[in-house]
């Protein structure tokens, strides 16, 4: 069904087949599983000098090349060595080797509820607000179909197909041609296999015959990233965001790296967006009431995701 249409989509109303719906779930679970394993690997690694988990500015230099860093965040590019390639997804697309893998890590000042409410995009109006607030980038498009919606145990749960279009290339303003994206995205809160409560966001492009590429000059872009957020005891949120650039050369271009860094830091603004959304929340009970019990209720949510990471 058409869930939202801020701009009329140039496609017929989307009706996914059962096979397509299953494919959307499968690729979402696979990317989430892969990201959780990488997150656990990072969390389990320790600094040999002090014997504690590595600071975000001091990841394994044999695997990661640091591109940018500041007090609460760092951006890395994965080195080309195939020994570090994730063997859990052997059936990766042929384009994977052409991609550059980036990692943004650090801590966000705020609660997990604040981060997840800021990221939440149940309709395209919130997609636009998020893009303009976090990335200072206007966006148009529509949510073509919602596959999964929020529940009482996970008010942040969402999975759907979104079409987005803008004059800029995401996440870089490097291409003059307008670009559009058709993505399957998923957000939610879950209990990891170690018992910790984490938030997640998984976004990746998907090929659907019902949504063919548009005529030139429009260019169909490719977008892929996954993020893990964990509430820390000090009141901060641990952020782990793995992004996939469309080409490895982007990681060696100073302007491209600056653009990637700016885009990555947008995730650190989510508590600010959350506060703005709470002030504008039209629902009777309000956003604060809707999210106040999330961390206690969501511990039983989405067992499929939790089991996938085992």
Protein backbone atom coordinates (compact mmCIF):
# COMPACT_ATOMS: atom_id res chain seq x y z
CA UNK A 1 0.00 0.00 0.00
CA UNK A 2 1.04 3.62 -0.46
CA UNK A 3 1.75 4.87 3.05
CA UNK A 4 2.83 8.43 2.39
CA UNK A 5 3.41 10.64 -0.62
CA UNK A 6 4.91 14.05 -0.09
CA UNK A 7 5.73 13.98 -3.78
CA UNK A 8 3.85 11.80 -6.23
CA UNK A 9 6.04 8.80 -6.93
CA UNK A 10 6.72 8.15 -10.63
CA UNK A 11 5.79 4.48 -10.21
CA UNK A 12 2.57 2.53 -10.04
CA UNK A 13 1.37 1.81 -6.48
CA UNK A 14 3.85 -0.66 -5.04
CA UNK A 15 2.60 -4.17 -4.41
CA UNK A 16 5.43 -6.41 -3.26
CA UNK A 17 5.20 -10.13 -3.84
CA UNK A 18 5.64 -12.53 -0.95
CA UNK A 19 9.09 -13.40 -2.31
CA UNK A 20 10.08 -9.73 -2.46
CA UNK A 21 8.89 -9.14 1.10
CA UNK A 22 10.96 -12.09 2.29
CA UNK A 23 13.97 -10.78 0.36
CA UNK A 24 13.63 -7.39 2.08
CA UNK A 25 13.66 -9.10 5.47
CA UNK A 26 16.54 -11.40 4.53
CA UNK A 27 18.92 -8.67 3.34
CA UNK A 28 18.02 -6.52 6.34
CA UNK A 29 18.74 -9.34 8.79
CA UNK A 30 21.99 -10.18 6.98
CA UNK A 31 23.35 -6.63 7.12
CA UNK A 32 22.25 -6.22 10.73
CA UNK A 33 23.90 -9.53 11.66
CA UNK A 34 27.10 -8.55 9.90
CA UNK A 35 27.18 -5.17 11.64
CA UNK A 36 26.49 -6.70 15.05
CA UNK A 37 29.39 -9.11 14.59
CA UNK A 38 31.70 -6.25 13.63
CA UNK A 39 30.43 -4.24 16.60
CA UNK A 40 31.12 -7.14 18.96
CA UNK A 41 34.58 -7.58 17.46
CA UNK A 42 35.35 -3.90 18.08
CA UNK A 43 33.91 -4.05 21.61
CA UNK A 44 35.90 -7.18 22.47
CA UNK A 45 39.22 -5.75 21.26
CA UNK A 46 41.32 -4.11 23.96
CA UNK A 47 44.09 -1.57 24.05
CA UNK A 48 47.25 -3.54 24.78
CA UNK A 49 48.73 -0.69 26.82
CA UNK A 50 45.89 -0.30 29.32
CA UNK A 51 43.86 -3.50 28.88
CA UNK A 52 40.54 -1.71 28.36
CA UNK A 53 38.24 -1.50 25.30
CA UNK A 54 39.74 0.66 22.61
CA UNK A 55 38.85 4.35 22.55
CA UNK A 56 37.08 5.45 19.38
CA UNK A 57 40.21 7.34 18.32
CA UNK A 58 42.45 4.30 18.76
CA UNK A 59 41.04 1.43 16.71
CA UNK A 60 43.22 -1.29 15.20
CA UNK A 61 45.47 0.61 12.77
CA UNK A 62 46.21 -2.60 10.90
CA UNK A 63 42.60 -2.78 9.77
CA UNK A 64 41.39 0.82 9.94
CA UNK A 65 42.90 4.01 8.55
CA UNK A 66 41.80 7.03 10.55
CA UNK A 67 40.44 9.80 8.33
CA UNK A 68 39.02 12.25 10.89
CA UNK A 69 38.67 12.49 14.66
CA UNK A 70 37.35 14.81 17.34
CA UNK A 71 36.52 14.52 21.04
CA UNK A 72 33.43 12.34 20.67
CA UNK A 73 33.76 10.76 17.21
CA UNK A 74 36.17 9.28 14.69
CA UNK A 75 35.88 8.26 11.05
CA UNK A 76 37.86 5.37 9.57
CA UNK A 77 38.31 3.69 6.20
CA UNK A 78 38.86 -0.05 6.10
CA UNK A 79 42.18 -1.02 4.59
CA UNK A 80 42.06 -3.10 1.42
CA UNK A 81 43.44 -6.35 2.89
CA UNK A 82 41.07 -9.17 2.04
CA UNK A 83 41.98 -10.94 5.27
CA UNK A 84 39.58 -8.56 6.99
CA UNK A 85 36.64 -9.22 4.67
CA UNK A 86 33.59 -10.51 6.48
CA UNK A 87 33.20 -14.20 5.65
CA UNK A 88 29.69 -14.30 7.09
CA UNK A 89 28.31 -12.80 3.89
CA UNK A 90 30.03 -14.84 1.22
CA UNK A 91 27.23 -14.09 -1.22
CA UNK A 92 27.99 -10.36 -1.45
CA UNK A 93 27.29 -8.54 -4.68
CA UNK A 94 29.98 -8.26 -7.33
CA UNK A 95 30.10 -4.52 -6.68
CA UNK A 96 31.22 -5.00 -3.07
CA UNK A 97 34.93 -5.01 -3.92
CA UNK A 98 34.49 -1.67 -5.65
CA UNK A 99 32.94 -0.13 -2.56
CA UNK A 100 34.81 1.59 0.22
CA UNK A 101 33.93 0.55 3.78
CA UNK A 102 33.81 3.36 6.31
CA UNK A 103 33.28 3.28 10.05
CA UNK A 104 32.09 6.14 12.25
CA UNK A 105 32.42 5.45 15.98
CA UNK A 106 32.15 7.44 19.18
CA UNK A 107 29.71 8.53 21.85
CA UNK A 108 26.53 10.58 21.60
CA UNK A 109 25.44 12.78 24.51
CA UNK A 110 21.92 11.60 25.25
CA UNK A 111 19.79 8.55 25.94
CA UNK A 112 19.08 5.64 23.64
CA UNK A 113 15.44 6.76 23.53
CA UNK A 114 16.52 10.21 22.36
CA UNK A 115 18.71 8.78 19.62
CA UNK A 116 16.08 6.36 18.35
CA UNK A 117 13.27 8.92 18.44
CA UNK A 118 15.46 11.31 16.47
CA UNK A 119 16.13 8.61 13.85
CA UNK A 120 12.52 7.45 13.64
CA UNK A 121 10.91 8.10 10.24
CA UNK A 122 7.42 6.56 10.11
CA UNK A 123 6.38 8.86 7.25
CA UNK A 124 8.10 10.94 4.60
CA UNK A 125 7.46 14.20 6.44
CA UNK A 126 9.83 12.98 9.16
CA UNK A 127 12.30 11.75 6.52
CA UNK A 128 12.47 15.29 5.15
CA UNK A 129 12.85 16.85 8.59
CA UNK A 130 15.60 14.41 9.47
CA UNK A 131 17.53 15.05 6.26
CA UNK A 132 17.26 18.82 6.59
CA UNK A 133 18.17 18.81 10.29
CA UNK A 134 20.93 16.22 10.43
CA UNK A 135 22.46 16.70 6.98
CA UNK A 136 21.28 20.18 5.98
CA UNK A 137 20.13 18.59 2.75
CA UNK A 138 16.67 19.00 1.19
CA UNK A 139 15.04 15.78 0.11
CA UNK A 140 11.90 14.75 -1.73
CA UNK A 141 10.21 11.43 -2.34
CA UNK A 142 7.72 9.06 -0.71
CA UNK A 143 7.41 5.98 1.45
CA UNK A 144 6.15 3.45 -1.07
CA UNK A 145 5.22 0.61 1.26
CA UNK A 146 5.44 -0.15 4.95
CA UNK A 147 6.34 -3.75 5.75
CA UNK A 148 6.53 -3.56 9.55
CA UNK A 149 5.25 -0.89 11.91
CA UNK A 150 5.69 0.09 15.56
CA UNK A 151 4.43 -2.09 18.39
CA UNK A 152 3.82 -1.55 22.08
CA UNK A 153 7.08 -3.31 22.90
CA UNK A 154 9.04 -1.42 20.23
CA UNK A 155 7.57 1.97 19.29
CA UNK A 156 10.61 2.62 17.08
CA UNK A 157 10.13 -0.48 14.93
CA UNK A 158 9.78 0.19 11.21
CA UNK A 159 10.61 -1.51 7.94
CA UNK A 160 9.61 -0.13 4.58
CA UNK A 161 10.47 0.81 1.02
CA UNK A 162 11.31 4.47 0.46
CA UNK A 163 11.97 6.43 -2.72
CA UNK A 164 14.14 9.53 -2.24
CA UNK A 165 15.31 12.14 -4.72
CA UNK A 166 17.46 15.24 -4.55
CA UNK A 167 19.85 17.33 -6.60
CA UNK A 168 22.77 16.13 -4.53
CA UNK A 169 24.51 12.79 -4.29
CA UNK A 170 24.18 11.14 -0.88
CA UNK A 171 26.22 11.66 1.16
CA UNK A 172 28.36 13.95 -0.98
CA UNK A 173 27.62 17.03 -3.00
CA UNK A 174 29.96 15.93 -5.77
CA UNK A 175 27.65 15.12 -8.66
CA UNK A 176 25.67 17.65 -10.67
CA UNK A 177 23.07 15.20 -11.93
CA UNK A 178 20.01 14.65 -9.72
CA UNK A 179 19.99 11.29 -7.99
CA UNK A 180 17.24 9.10 -6.68
CA UNK A 181 17.32 6.09 -4.38
CA UNK A 182 15.00 3.18 -3.73
CA UNK A 183 15.89 1.71 -0.34
CA UNK A 184 14.63 -0.77 2.20
CA UNK A 185 15.14 0.63 5.68
CA UNK A 186 14.57 -0.76 9.16
CA UNK A 187 14.84 0.69 12.65
CA UNK A 188 14.07 -0.62 16.10
CA UNK A 189 15.28 -1.56 19.57
CA UNK A 190 16.26 -5.10 20.51
CA UNK A 191 18.04 -7.19 23.10
CA UNK A 192 21.39 -8.44 21.87
CA UNK A 193 22.51 -11.99 22.65
CA UNK A 194 24.65 -10.67 25.53
CA UNK A 195 21.55 -9.17 27.16
CA UNK A 196 22.33 -5.55 26.30
CA UNK A 197 19.65 -3.28 24.92
CA UNK A 198 20.65 -1.76 21.58
CA UNK A 199 19.06 0.35 18.88
CA UNK A 200 19.66 -0.31 15.21
CA UNK A 201 19.13 1.26 11.81
CA UNK A 202 19.73 -0.60 8.53
CA UNK A 203 19.38 1.11 5.15
CA UNK A 204 20.32 -0.28 1.73
CA UNK A 205 19.37 0.13 -1.89
CA UNK A 206 17.17 -2.53 -3.44
CA UNK A 207 16.37 -3.38 -7.05
CA UNK A 208 12.65 -3.69 -7.68
CA UNK A 209 11.21 -4.12 -11.19
CA UNK A 210 8.20 -2.09 -10.02
CA UNK A 211 10.55 0.90 -9.47
CA UNK A 212 12.71 1.10 -12.61
CA UNK A 213 15.42 3.70 -13.11
CA UNK A 214 14.04 7.04 -14.27
CA UNK A 215 15.02 8.74 -17.55
CA UNK A 216 18.15 10.86 -17.71
CA UNK A 217 19.42 13.14 -16.30
CA UNK A 218 18.22 11.29 -13.18
CA UNK A 219 20.80 8.78 -11.93
CA UNK A 220 19.84 5.87 -9.65
CA UNK A 221 22.17 5.98 -6.66
CA UNK A 222 23.35 3.25 -4.33
CA UNK A 223 23.06 3.71 -0.57
CA UNK A 224 24.06 1.31 2.18
CA UNK A 225 24.78 1.68 5.87
CA UNK A 226 23.97 0.11 9.22
CA UNK A 227 24.18 1.59 12.70
CA UNK A 228 24.25 0.15 16.21
CA UNK A 229 23.53 2.25 19.30
CA UNK A 230 24.05 1.08 22.90
CA UNK A 231 23.17 2.87 26.12
CA UNK A 232 26.25 3.26 28.34
CA UNK A 233 26.25 3.45 32.13
CA UNK A 234 27.59 7.02 32.05
CA UNK A 235 24.44 8.26 30.30
CA UNK A 236 26.08 8.40 26.88
CA UNK A 237 25.23 6.30 23.82
CA UNK A 238 27.90 4.22 22.11
CA UNK A 239 27.58 4.73 18.33
CA UNK A 240 28.88 2.33 15.67
CA UNK A 241 27.96 3.24 12.08
CA UNK A 242 29.29 1.19 9.17
CA UNK A 243 28.87 2.89 5.79
CA UNK A 244 29.65 1.76 2.27
CA UNK A 245 30.83 4.40 -0.19
CA UNK A 246 29.92 3.85 -3.83
CA UNK A 247 33.58 3.86 -4.84
CA UNK A 248 36.86 3.32 -2.98
CA UNK A 249 38.37 6.45 -4.53
CA UNK A 250 36.12 8.60 -2.35
CA UNK A 251 38.25 7.70 0.67
CA UNK A 252 41.36 9.19 -0.94
CA UNK A 253 39.85 12.51 -2.03
CA UNK A 254 40.07 15.32 0.54
CA UNK A 255 36.81 16.92 -0.49
CA UNK A 256 35.06 13.56 -0.45
CA UNK A 257 36.41 12.72 3.01
CA UNK A 258 35.25 16.11 4.30
CA UNK A 259 31.77 15.41 2.94
CA UNK A 260 31.70 11.92 4.42
CA UNK A 261 32.79 13.30 7.79
CA UNK A 262 30.08 15.96 7.73
CA UNK A 263 27.46 13.35 6.85
CA UNK A 264 28.65 10.98 9.58
CA UNK A 265 28.50 13.69 12.23
CA UNK A 266 24.84 14.21 11.39
CA UNK A 267 24.08 11.06 13.40
CA UNK A 268 25.50 12.80 16.47
CA UNK A 269 22.75 15.45 16.20
CA UNK A 270 19.92 12.98 16.78
CA UNK A 271 19.19 14.01 20.41
CA UNK A 272 18.74 17.59 19.21
CA UNK A 273 16.30 16.42 16.54
CA UNK A 274 14.51 14.30 19.14
CA UNK A 275 13.91 17.33 21.34
CA UNK A 276 12.58 19.33 18.39
CA UNK A 277 10.23 16.49 17.44
CA UNK A 278 8.94 16.22 21.01
CA UNK A 279 8.01 19.89 20.99
CA UNK A 280 6.11 19.40 17.74
CA UNK A 281 4.56 16.05 18.72
CA UNK A 282 0.80 16.37 18.03
CA UNK A 283 -0.27 13.18 19.75
CA UNK A 284 -2.27 13.49 22.92
CA UNK A 285 0.10 11.55 25.13
CA UNK A 286 3.18 13.26 23.68
CA UNK A 287 6.49 11.87 22.53
CA UNK A 288 8.04 11.82 25.97
CA UNK A 289 5.31 9.55 27.31
CA UNK A 290 5.53 7.36 24.23
CA UNK A 291 9.27 6.75 24.67
CA UNK A 292 9.64 6.82 28.45
CA UNK A 293 9.14 3.07 28.92
CA UNK A 294 10.96 1.91 25.81
CA UNK A 295 14.08 0.63 27.53
CA UNK A 296 12.07 -1.64 29.80
CA UNK A 297 9.48 -2.85 27.28
CA UNK A 298 11.80 -3.49 24.34
CA UNK A 299 13.82 -6.20 26.04
CA UNK A 300 11.53 -8.84 24.58
CA UNK A 301 11.21 -7.25 21.13
CA UNK A 302 12.27 -8.64 17.77
CA UNK A 303 13.68 -12.05 18.73
CA UNK A 304 14.37 -12.76 15.04
CA UNK A 305 16.99 -10.01 15.01
CA UNK A 306 18.53 -11.06 18.30
CA UNK A 307 18.76 -14.71 17.27
CA UNK A 308 20.25 -13.72 13.92
CA UNK A 309 23.24 -12.27 15.73
CA UNK A 310 24.01 -15.41 17.66
